[in-house]
Every structure is written in structure tokens, then in C-alpha cells.
Amino acid sequence: MKKKLILAAAGVLSIFTLAACTGGSQDIATMKGGTITVDDFFNQTKSSQQSQQIVQQMIIYKVFDQKYGKDVSEKDIQAQFDETKKNIEAQGGVFADQLKQAGLTEKSYKEQIKQSLAYKAGIKAHIKITDEDLKAAWETFHPEVEAQIIQVATEDEAKEIKKQLDNGDDFAKIAKDKSTDTTTAKDGGKVKFDSQTETIPEAVKTAAFKLKDGEISEPIQATDSTGYQSTFTIVKMVKNKDKGNDMAPFKKELTKIAETAKQNDQEFVQKVTSEVLTAANVKIKDDAFKDVLAGLVETKDSAKSSDSSKKEEKESSSKEKESKSSDSEKSKDSSSKTEESSSKTEESSK
């Protein structure tokens, strides 16, 4: 389903390509007394939120493709193309039909893949990993472990299997016979994973990392890949590895984790996108899209506004400090006068 949505969204982009290529002269429909052209359709829909988002994406991808497209290999493009095709066909779909429905050819779809990968390459080019980033990655990192798993649909079945295992039944045999995890069941439940593995639910990983070699967990409840149904997993730890206190042996893994964290940091991604778009000097020619890059491109006016805002904050802070200093002086002066008056009163009393 995810891949279908990607291709469907790509199909909307073809409307804008069509409008650009035909100059609006192509008829969509004719009837007695009139016609509806691509240009009519474009003018009717270009102000919609979806159209605004699509044009924004087209601009971003175009700019990044021009600057970072050279960093994308044909091998990478083909790999993603093949993966999409494989996933669609695994769900019973026909890849060629979905391309056609989306208004794409294999060539145009690969071009969109190239632009998407160029965008990722541009973001990655701005990543600089610091010691603080590595320390943050270290906090949740756990090295790869070797284990066996049995996954079933109900808690009752999981509890029954756990009893059998406690009585000495063979873990691998039960995994082959009863595990619903088809990827591991045929191999007796054997699996390797670390803290970053996405195919193992977080709840299962957390519980597994606490096990000693040879130890078997209680049934662990987690949601399946759909996010709607629960599964129950029993883990047998074959070989666990403590990370210790030294990050050095795991620097490669930690760097990769830190890079992924940066790529998923929306604030960082938006900052990089803004810098690249600003450098490209993008000019919006159609007033219908005048605000399409609002918040992403720093203009002279926005830069002045930002500088003015910072200046006002600085002046406000300075005035606040002066005010506090003045109040403090007044307080001291008042206190001094009070003490002086008190002293005179005491002398008079004497």
C-alpha cells in the first residue's frame, strides 16, 4: 500500500508536467458550446493546498537535483526502482499498470527516484557528526546479538509454548512448526539484530537485550507491522554482547546512527533545505504560488526583519538591565536614607 501511495502522488505531478509541455492548448473535454483545456484545469486547481505542496516539492527536488544529482548513481536508482516493483508485485499488484495509472513511464519514474535520492544526498552532505552526537547515539546503542525467536498470535498459545520450552522441548523445532514469523521460522527462529534493527519490535529488542546467553524470555507483547494487531514473541538468547564503556570499537555504527538521527531531525532538514534554496536564488513567477516557499527561503526583507528583531531583543534586554540597575540604585538610596533618619532619631532621643 505504501508504494501505491508513492506512485499515486507521483501521478499528480504529471498534471503540472502536462500543462507545461502543452502550453495549456490540449483539450481535456469538449461539449456543445465549449471546451475544458489543461490550462482551465490548471488555473482552477493551482491554488489548492495540494497543488501548493506539489509545486513546493517540485522546486525543492529540482534545485537539489541540479546541485547533488551527480552524487546519485544509476545503481542506486535501479535498486530503489527494483524494490518498489518487488513490493508492489508482492502485494498482488501489477507494476506496469500502476505506472500507467500514475501517468508515468519507467524512465520518468526513475527520474523522480533520482531527484528524491539527490535530495537525500544534499541533506547528508551537510551532516557533520560531533562527539556530542556520538554520545547521544551511545545512550541507546546495543551491539548485534544472536538469538532465536518464536512469534505467535495469542497470549495463550505463547504461554503454552513457554511451558513446553521450560520442560525441555526443542526451541528450533517449535519455531519451525508454530512461529508465524515466516522469515525466521524455517531456520528454527534464528535471527541477528541490534538496537537499530527495524524488523524487530522495540518491546522485543528491549526484553532480549536483558537476557543472558541461553536464557529464554517470557512472552513479549508487541504490535505487528500493520500497527493494529498484537503478536507475542518468545526469545532465546544465543549470544549477547555487552557494549562496555568504550565507544571506540563501535564508532562506525554510532556514526551511522547519528547520521540517521540528523536525517530524521525535521528542524535540521528544514535548515539545510532553506540554505540550498536561498543559494539557488529561486524566483516565483506566478502569483498563485508566491508564498509556496514561505519560511524556506530567506529574502532580503526577511533577513532585515530577522536582524531588526534581534536588534529589538538586544535593546529590550539592555533596557531591562538598565531598569533593574536603576531600581537597585533607588532601593539602595532609599535604604541609606532610612538608615540615616533612624540614626538621627536615636541621637535626638538621647
Protein backbone atom coordinates (compact mmCIF):
# COMPACT_ATOMS: atom_id res chain seq x y z
CA MET A 1 0.00 0.00 0.00
CA LYS A 2 2.80 2.41 0.81
CA LYS A 3 4.33 2.05 -2.66
CA LYS A 4 0.90 2.57 -4.27
CA LEU A 5 0.56 5.87 -2.48
CA ILE A 6 4.00 6.96 -3.67
CA LEU A 7 3.13 6.28 -7.29
CA ALA A 8 -0.30 7.88 -6.92
CA ALA A 9 1.27 11.07 -5.59
CA ALA A 10 3.76 10.99 -8.43
CA GLY A 11 0.87 10.89 -10.86
CA VAL A 12 -0.41 14.27 -9.68
CA LEU A 13 2.93 15.77 -10.68
CA SER A 14 2.28 14.68 -14.26
CA ILE A 15 -0.63 17.18 -14.46
CA PHE A 16 1.80 20.05 -14.00
CA THR A 17 4.22 18.49 -16.49
CA LEU A 18 1.38 18.15 -18.98
CA ALA A 19 0.35 21.78 -18.55
CA ALA A 20 3.94 22.93 -19.07
CA CYS A 21 4.52 20.79 -22.17
CA THR A 22 1.23 21.61 -23.94
CA GLY A 23 1.12 25.29 -23.07
CA GLY A 24 -2.47 24.81 -21.97
CA SER A 25 -3.68 24.12 -25.54
CA GLN A 26 -4.65 20.49 -25.03
CA ASP A 27 -8.34 19.83 -24.54
CA ILE A 28 -9.44 17.71 -21.62
CA ALA A 29 -13.10 17.68 -22.65
CA THR A 30 -15.38 19.21 -25.28
CA MET A 31 -19.09 19.76 -25.23
CA LYS A 32 -21.69 21.79 -27.11
CA GLY A 33 -20.72 25.39 -26.74
CA GLY A 34 -17.36 24.98 -25.03
CA THR A 35 -14.23 23.10 -24.04
CA ILE A 36 -12.21 22.44 -20.92
CA THR A 37 -8.47 22.64 -21.50
CA VAL A 38 -5.46 21.66 -19.43
CA ASP A 39 -4.96 25.37 -18.81
CA ASP A 40 -8.51 25.67 -17.44
CA PHE A 41 -7.88 22.78 -15.12
CA PHE A 42 -4.53 24.16 -14.01
CA ASN A 43 -5.95 27.61 -13.23
CA GLN A 44 -8.83 26.04 -11.30
CA THR A 45 -6.66 23.82 -9.13
CA LYS A 46 -3.33 25.60 -8.69
CA SER A 47 -4.41 27.48 -5.56
CA SER A 48 -5.38 24.33 -3.68
CA GLN A 49 -3.23 23.25 -0.73
CA GLN A 50 -2.28 20.01 -2.50
CA SER A 51 -1.10 21.94 -5.58
CA GLN A 52 0.92 24.31 -3.42
CA GLN A 53 2.63 21.36 -1.71
CA ILE A 54 3.35 19.66 -5.03
CA VAL A 55 4.91 22.78 -6.55
CA GLN A 56 7.00 23.28 -3.42
CA GLN A 57 8.25 19.70 -3.72
CA MET A 58 8.96 20.14 -7.44
CA ILE A 59 11.06 23.25 -6.75
CA ILE A 60 12.99 21.62 -3.91
CA TYR A 61 13.70 18.45 -5.87
CA LYS A 62 14.73 20.41 -8.97
CA VAL A 63 17.19 22.57 -7.03
CA PHE A 64 18.70 19.63 -5.15
CA ASP A 65 18.89 17.53 -8.34
CA GLN A 66 20.86 20.25 -10.10
CA LYS A 67 23.33 20.53 -7.22
CA TYR A 68 23.56 16.97 -5.90
CA GLY A 69 22.28 14.80 -8.76
CA LYS A 70 25.87 13.97 -9.66
CA ASP A 71 26.19 12.14 -6.35
CA VAL A 72 23.42 9.69 -7.27
CA SER A 73 24.47 6.55 -9.13
CA GLU A 74 22.47 4.56 -11.66
CA LYS A 75 22.94 1.57 -9.37
CA ASP A 76 21.17 3.37 -6.50
CA ILE A 77 18.31 4.42 -8.78
CA GLN A 78 17.86 0.90 -10.13
CA ALA A 79 17.97 -0.60 -6.63
CA GLN A 80 15.09 1.60 -5.43
CA PHE A 81 13.18 1.02 -8.66
CA ASP A 82 13.51 -2.76 -8.26
CA GLU A 83 12.50 -2.61 -4.60
CA THR A 84 9.34 -0.64 -5.43
CA LYS A 85 8.43 -3.09 -8.20
CA LYS A 86 9.06 -6.08 -5.93
CA ASN A 87 6.92 -4.69 -3.10
CA ILE A 88 4.01 -3.86 -5.40
CA GLU A 89 4.07 -7.29 -7.01
CA ALA A 90 4.34 -8.95 -3.57
CA GLN A 91 1.03 -7.28 -2.72
CA GLY A 92 -0.57 -8.71 -5.85
CA GLY A 93 -0.32 -5.53 -7.92
CA VAL A 94 0.92 -5.11 -11.49
CA PHE A 95 3.78 -2.62 -11.55
CA ALA A 96 3.28 -1.58 -15.18
CA ASP A 97 -0.41 -0.87 -14.56
CA GLN A 98 0.36 1.31 -11.54
CA LEU A 99 2.91 3.30 -13.50
CA LYS A 100 0.31 3.88 -16.20
CA GLN A 101 -2.35 4.91 -13.67
CA ALA A 102 0.10 7.40 -12.19
CA GLY A 103 0.85 8.85 -15.62
CA LEU A 104 4.44 7.60 -15.51
CA THR A 105 6.79 5.55 -17.60
CA GLU A 106 9.75 3.61 -16.26
CA LYS A 107 12.01 6.42 -17.47
CA SER A 108 10.03 9.24 -15.82
CA TYR A 109 9.65 7.26 -12.60
CA LYS A 110 13.41 6.68 -12.44
CA GLU A 111 13.90 10.42 -12.91
CA GLN A 112 11.70 11.05 -9.87
CA ILE A 113 13.69 8.48 -7.90
CA LYS A 114 16.88 10.28 -8.93
CA GLN A 115 15.53 13.61 -7.64
CA SER A 116 14.44 12.03 -4.36
CA LEU A 117 17.88 10.47 -3.85
CA ALA A 118 19.56 13.78 -4.80
CA TYR A 119 17.57 15.47 -2.04
CA LYS A 120 18.74 12.88 0.47
CA ALA A 121 22.32 13.28 -0.78
CA GLY A 122 22.07 17.04 -0.28
CA ILE A 123 20.87 16.67 3.29
CA LYS A 124 23.61 14.12 4.04
CA ALA A 125 26.28 16.43 2.57
CA HIS A 126 25.53 18.95 5.34
CA ILE A 127 25.82 16.46 8.20
CA LYS A 128 28.81 16.91 10.48
CA ILE A 129 28.91 14.44 13.34
CA THR A 130 30.23 15.78 16.65
CA ASP A 131 31.35 14.00 19.82
CA GLU A 132 28.04 15.05 21.38
CA ASP A 133 26.16 13.32 18.55
CA LEU A 134 28.13 10.12 19.11
CA LYS A 135 27.49 10.25 22.87
CA ALA A 136 23.76 10.66 22.23
CA ALA A 137 23.80 7.63 19.92
CA TRP A 138 25.75 5.66 22.53
CA GLU A 139 22.99 6.12 25.11
CA THR A 140 20.55 3.81 23.31
CA PHE A 141 23.03 1.66 21.38
CA HIS A 142 23.28 -2.10 21.83
CA PRO A 143 25.61 -4.26 19.69
CA GLU A 144 24.30 -7.04 17.46
CA VAL A 145 23.09 -10.17 19.24
CA GLU A 146 22.38 -13.71 18.05
CA ALA A 147 19.04 -15.14 19.15
CA GLN A 148 16.11 -17.38 18.27
CA ILE A 149 12.50 -16.22 18.27
CA ILE A 150 9.06 -17.78 18.20
CA GLN A 151 6.20 -15.46 17.29
CA VAL A 152 2.52 -16.37 17.68
CA ALA A 153 -0.81 -14.55 17.53
CA THR A 154 -2.24 -15.16 21.00
CA GLU A 155 -1.00 -14.90 24.56
CA ASP A 156 -2.47 -18.29 25.47
CA GLU A 157 -0.50 -20.03 22.74
CA ALA A 158 2.66 -18.19 23.76
CA LYS A 159 2.22 -19.28 27.41
CA GLU A 160 1.68 -22.89 26.34
CA ILE A 161 4.85 -22.81 24.21
CA LYS A 162 6.79 -21.29 27.13
CA LYS A 163 5.70 -24.24 29.32
CA GLN A 164 6.93 -26.67 26.68
CA LEU A 165 10.27 -24.90 26.50
CA ASP A 166 10.60 -24.90 30.30
CA ASN A 167 10.05 -28.67 30.15
CA GLY A 168 12.97 -29.05 27.77
CA ASP A 169 11.27 -29.11 24.33
CA ASP A 170 13.42 -28.11 21.37
CA PHE A 171 13.20 -24.37 20.60
CA ALA A 172 14.14 -24.70 16.92
CA LYS A 173 11.56 -27.43 16.27
CA ILE A 174 8.74 -25.42 17.85
CA ALA A 175 9.81 -22.34 15.88
CA LYS A 176 9.63 -24.29 12.61
CA ASP A 177 6.22 -25.76 13.47
CA LYS A 178 4.43 -22.84 15.12
CA SER A 179 6.14 -19.47 14.60
CA THR A 180 4.18 -17.03 12.44
CA ASP A 181 7.38 -15.14 11.58
CA THR A 182 7.94 -16.72 8.16
CA THR A 183 11.33 -15.05 7.73
CA THR A 184 12.91 -16.87 10.68
CA ALA A 185 10.67 -19.91 11.25
CA LYS A 186 12.23 -22.05 8.51
CA ASP A 187 15.65 -21.63 10.14
CA GLY A 188 14.48 -22.54 13.64
CA GLY A 189 13.86 -18.93 14.62
CA LYS A 190 17.49 -17.85 14.19
CA VAL A 191 17.94 -14.09 13.92
CA LYS A 192 20.54 -11.37 14.43
CA PHE A 193 19.65 -7.82 15.42
CA ASP A 194 20.95 -4.73 17.18
CA SER A 195 19.34 -1.65 18.70
CA GLN A 196 18.75 -0.11 15.24
CA THR A 197 17.12 -3.12 13.56
CA GLU A 198 13.66 -2.09 12.35
CA THR A 199 12.28 -5.57 11.64
CA ILE A 200 12.20 -6.47 15.35
CA PRO A 201 9.66 -4.60 17.55
CA GLU A 202 11.15 -2.29 20.18
CA ALA A 203 9.49 -4.21 23.02
CA VAL A 204 11.11 -7.45 21.84
CA LYS A 205 14.55 -5.85 21.48
CA THR A 206 14.38 -4.23 24.91
CA ALA A 207 13.49 -7.52 26.60
CA ALA A 208 16.01 -9.52 24.57
CA PHE A 209 18.97 -7.31 25.42
CA LYS A 210 18.42 -8.08 29.12
CA LEU A 211 18.78 -11.85 28.60
CA LYS A 212 21.92 -13.84 29.32
CA ASP A 213 23.24 -16.46 26.90
CA GLY A 214 20.92 -19.49 26.88
CA GLU A 215 18.13 -17.68 28.74
CA ILE A 216 14.54 -17.75 27.43
CA SER A 217 12.17 -14.81 27.88
CA GLU A 218 8.59 -14.75 28.97
CA PRO A 219 6.07 -13.98 26.17
CA ILE A 220 6.59 -10.40 24.95
CA GLN A 221 3.61 -8.49 23.59
CA ALA A 222 4.15 -6.13 20.66
CA THR A 223 2.21 -4.78 17.67
CA ASP A 224 2.78 -6.32 14.25
CA SER A 225 3.88 -4.47 11.11
CA THR A 226 0.31 -3.23 10.45
CA GLY A 227 0.26 -1.46 13.81
CA TYR A 228 -3.19 -2.83 14.61
CA GLN A 229 -2.71 -6.40 15.82
CA SER A 230 -0.71 -7.74 18.73
CA THR A 231 1.84 -10.51 18.50
CA PHE A 232 3.51 -12.48 21.26
CA THR A 233 7.19 -13.34 20.97
CA ILE A 234 9.43 -15.65 22.96
CA VAL A 235 13.17 -15.03 22.66
CA LYS A 236 16.04 -17.38 23.38
CA MET A 237 19.33 -15.53 23.67
CA VAL A 238 22.16 -17.38 21.93
CA LYS A 239 24.94 -14.79 22.16
CA ASN A 240 24.54 -11.43 23.85
CA LYS A 241 27.26 -8.80 23.88
CA ASP A 242 27.61 -6.02 26.40
CA LYS A 243 28.74 -2.73 24.86
CA GLY A 244 31.02 -1.94 27.81
CA ASN A 245 32.24 1.60 28.46
CA ASP A 246 34.40 2.24 25.40
CA MET A 247 32.73 3.79 22.34
CA ALA A 248 35.79 3.44 20.10
CA PRO A 249 35.14 -0.13 18.82
CA PHE A 250 31.63 0.92 17.75
CA LYS A 251 32.42 4.29 16.20
CA LYS A 252 31.30 3.20 12.71
CA GLU A 253 27.90 2.01 13.96
CA LEU A 254 27.45 5.07 16.17
CA THR A 255 28.28 7.41 13.30
CA LYS A 256 25.63 5.73 11.16
CA ILE A 257 23.08 6.05 13.98
CA ALA A 258 23.94 9.72 14.46
CA GLU A 259 23.63 10.38 10.72
CA THR A 260 20.20 8.73 10.64
CA ALA A 261 19.11 10.84 13.61
CA LYS A 262 20.17 14.00 11.75
CA GLN A 263 18.31 12.91 8.61
CA ASN A 264 15.17 12.39 10.72
CA ASP A 265 15.54 15.72 12.53
CA GLN A 266 12.96 17.94 10.81
CA GLU A 267 14.49 21.15 12.16
CA PHE A 268 17.89 20.21 10.70
CA VAL A 269 16.38 19.10 7.37
CA GLN A 270 14.41 22.34 7.02
CA LYS A 271 17.50 24.41 7.84
CA VAL A 272 19.53 22.68 5.11
CA THR A 273 16.67 22.92 2.62
CA SER A 274 16.38 26.63 3.32
CA GLU A 275 20.11 27.21 2.82
CA VAL A 276 20.20 25.35 -0.51
CA LEU A 277 17.05 27.07 -1.84
CA THR A 278 18.29 30.50 -0.80
CA ALA A 279 21.63 29.89 -2.55
CA ALA A 280 19.77 28.82 -5.72
CA ASN A 281 18.05 32.23 -5.90
CA VAL A 282 14.61 30.78 -6.69
CA LYS A 283 12.16 33.32 -8.19
CA ILE A 284 8.41 32.64 -8.17
CA LYS A 285 6.84 33.98 -11.38
CA ASP A 286 3.20 33.01 -10.81
CA ASP A 287 1.42 34.99 -8.06
CA ALA A 288 -0.71 31.94 -7.27
CA PHE A 289 2.45 30.37 -5.83
CA LYS A 290 4.05 33.48 -4.32
CA ASP A 291 4.01 32.01 -0.80
CA VAL A 292 4.93 28.46 -1.77
CA LEU A 293 8.43 28.78 -0.26
CA ALA A 294 7.42 30.92 2.71
CA GLY A 295 9.59 30.02 5.68
CA LEU A 296 12.06 28.15 3.48
CA VAL A 297 13.79 30.92 1.53
CA GLU A 298 15.44 33.84 3.28
CA THR A 299 14.83 37.02 1.28
CA LYS A 300 16.45 40.40 1.89
CA ASP A 301 13.26 41.58 3.60
CA SER A 302 13.11 38.53 5.86
CA ALA A 303 16.82 38.90 6.66
CA LYS A 304 16.27 42.57 7.58
CA SER A 305 13.24 41.57 9.63
CA SER A 306 15.31 38.96 11.42
CA ASP A 307 18.15 41.41 12.08
CA SER A 308 15.63 44.03 13.26
CA SER A 309 14.02 41.51 15.56
CA LYS A 310 17.39 40.54 17.03
CA LYS A 311 18.27 44.24 17.46
CA GLU A 312 14.98 44.91 19.24
CA GLU A 313 15.54 41.91 21.52
CA LYS A 314 19.04 43.18 22.33
CA GLU A 315 17.79 46.73 23.03
CA SER A 316 14.91 45.39 25.12
CA SER A 317 17.32 43.26 27.13
CA SER A 318 19.65 46.24 27.61
CA LYS A 319 16.79 48.48 28.77
CA GLU A 320 15.61 45.78 31.15
CA LYS A 321 19.09 45.54 32.68
CA GLU A 322 19.27 49.34 32.98
CA SER A 323 15.85 49.40 34.61
CA LYS A 324 16.85 46.74 37.12
CA SER A 325 20.10 48.62 37.83
CA SER A 326 18.17 51.86 38.34
CA ASP A 327 15.68 50.16 40.65
CA SER A 328 18.56 48.68 42.58
CA GLU A 329 20.24 52.08 42.98
CA LYS A 330 16.94 53.62 44.08
CA SER A 331 16.49 50.85 46.58
CA LYS A 332 19.98 51.38 47.95
CA ASP A 333 19.44 55.15 48.14
CA SER A 334 16.12 54.67 49.92
CA SER A 335 17.71 52.22 52.32
CA SER A 336 20.56 54.66 53.02
CA LYS A 337 18.11 57.49 53.74
CA THR A 338 16.10 55.27 56.05
CA GLU A 339 19.22 54.33 58.00
CA GLU A 340 20.28 57.99 58.22
CA SER A 341 16.85 59.03 59.51
CA SER A 342 16.87 56.22 62.02
CA SER A 343 20.30 57.30 63.27
CA LYS A 344 19.15 60.94 63.75
CA THR A 345 16.08 59.79 65.65
CA GLU A 346 18.23 57.75 68.00
CA GLU A 347 20.58 60.72 68.63
CA SER A 348 17.60 63.04 69.29
CA SER A 349 16.18 60.54 71.73
CA LYS A 350 19.42 60.54 73.66
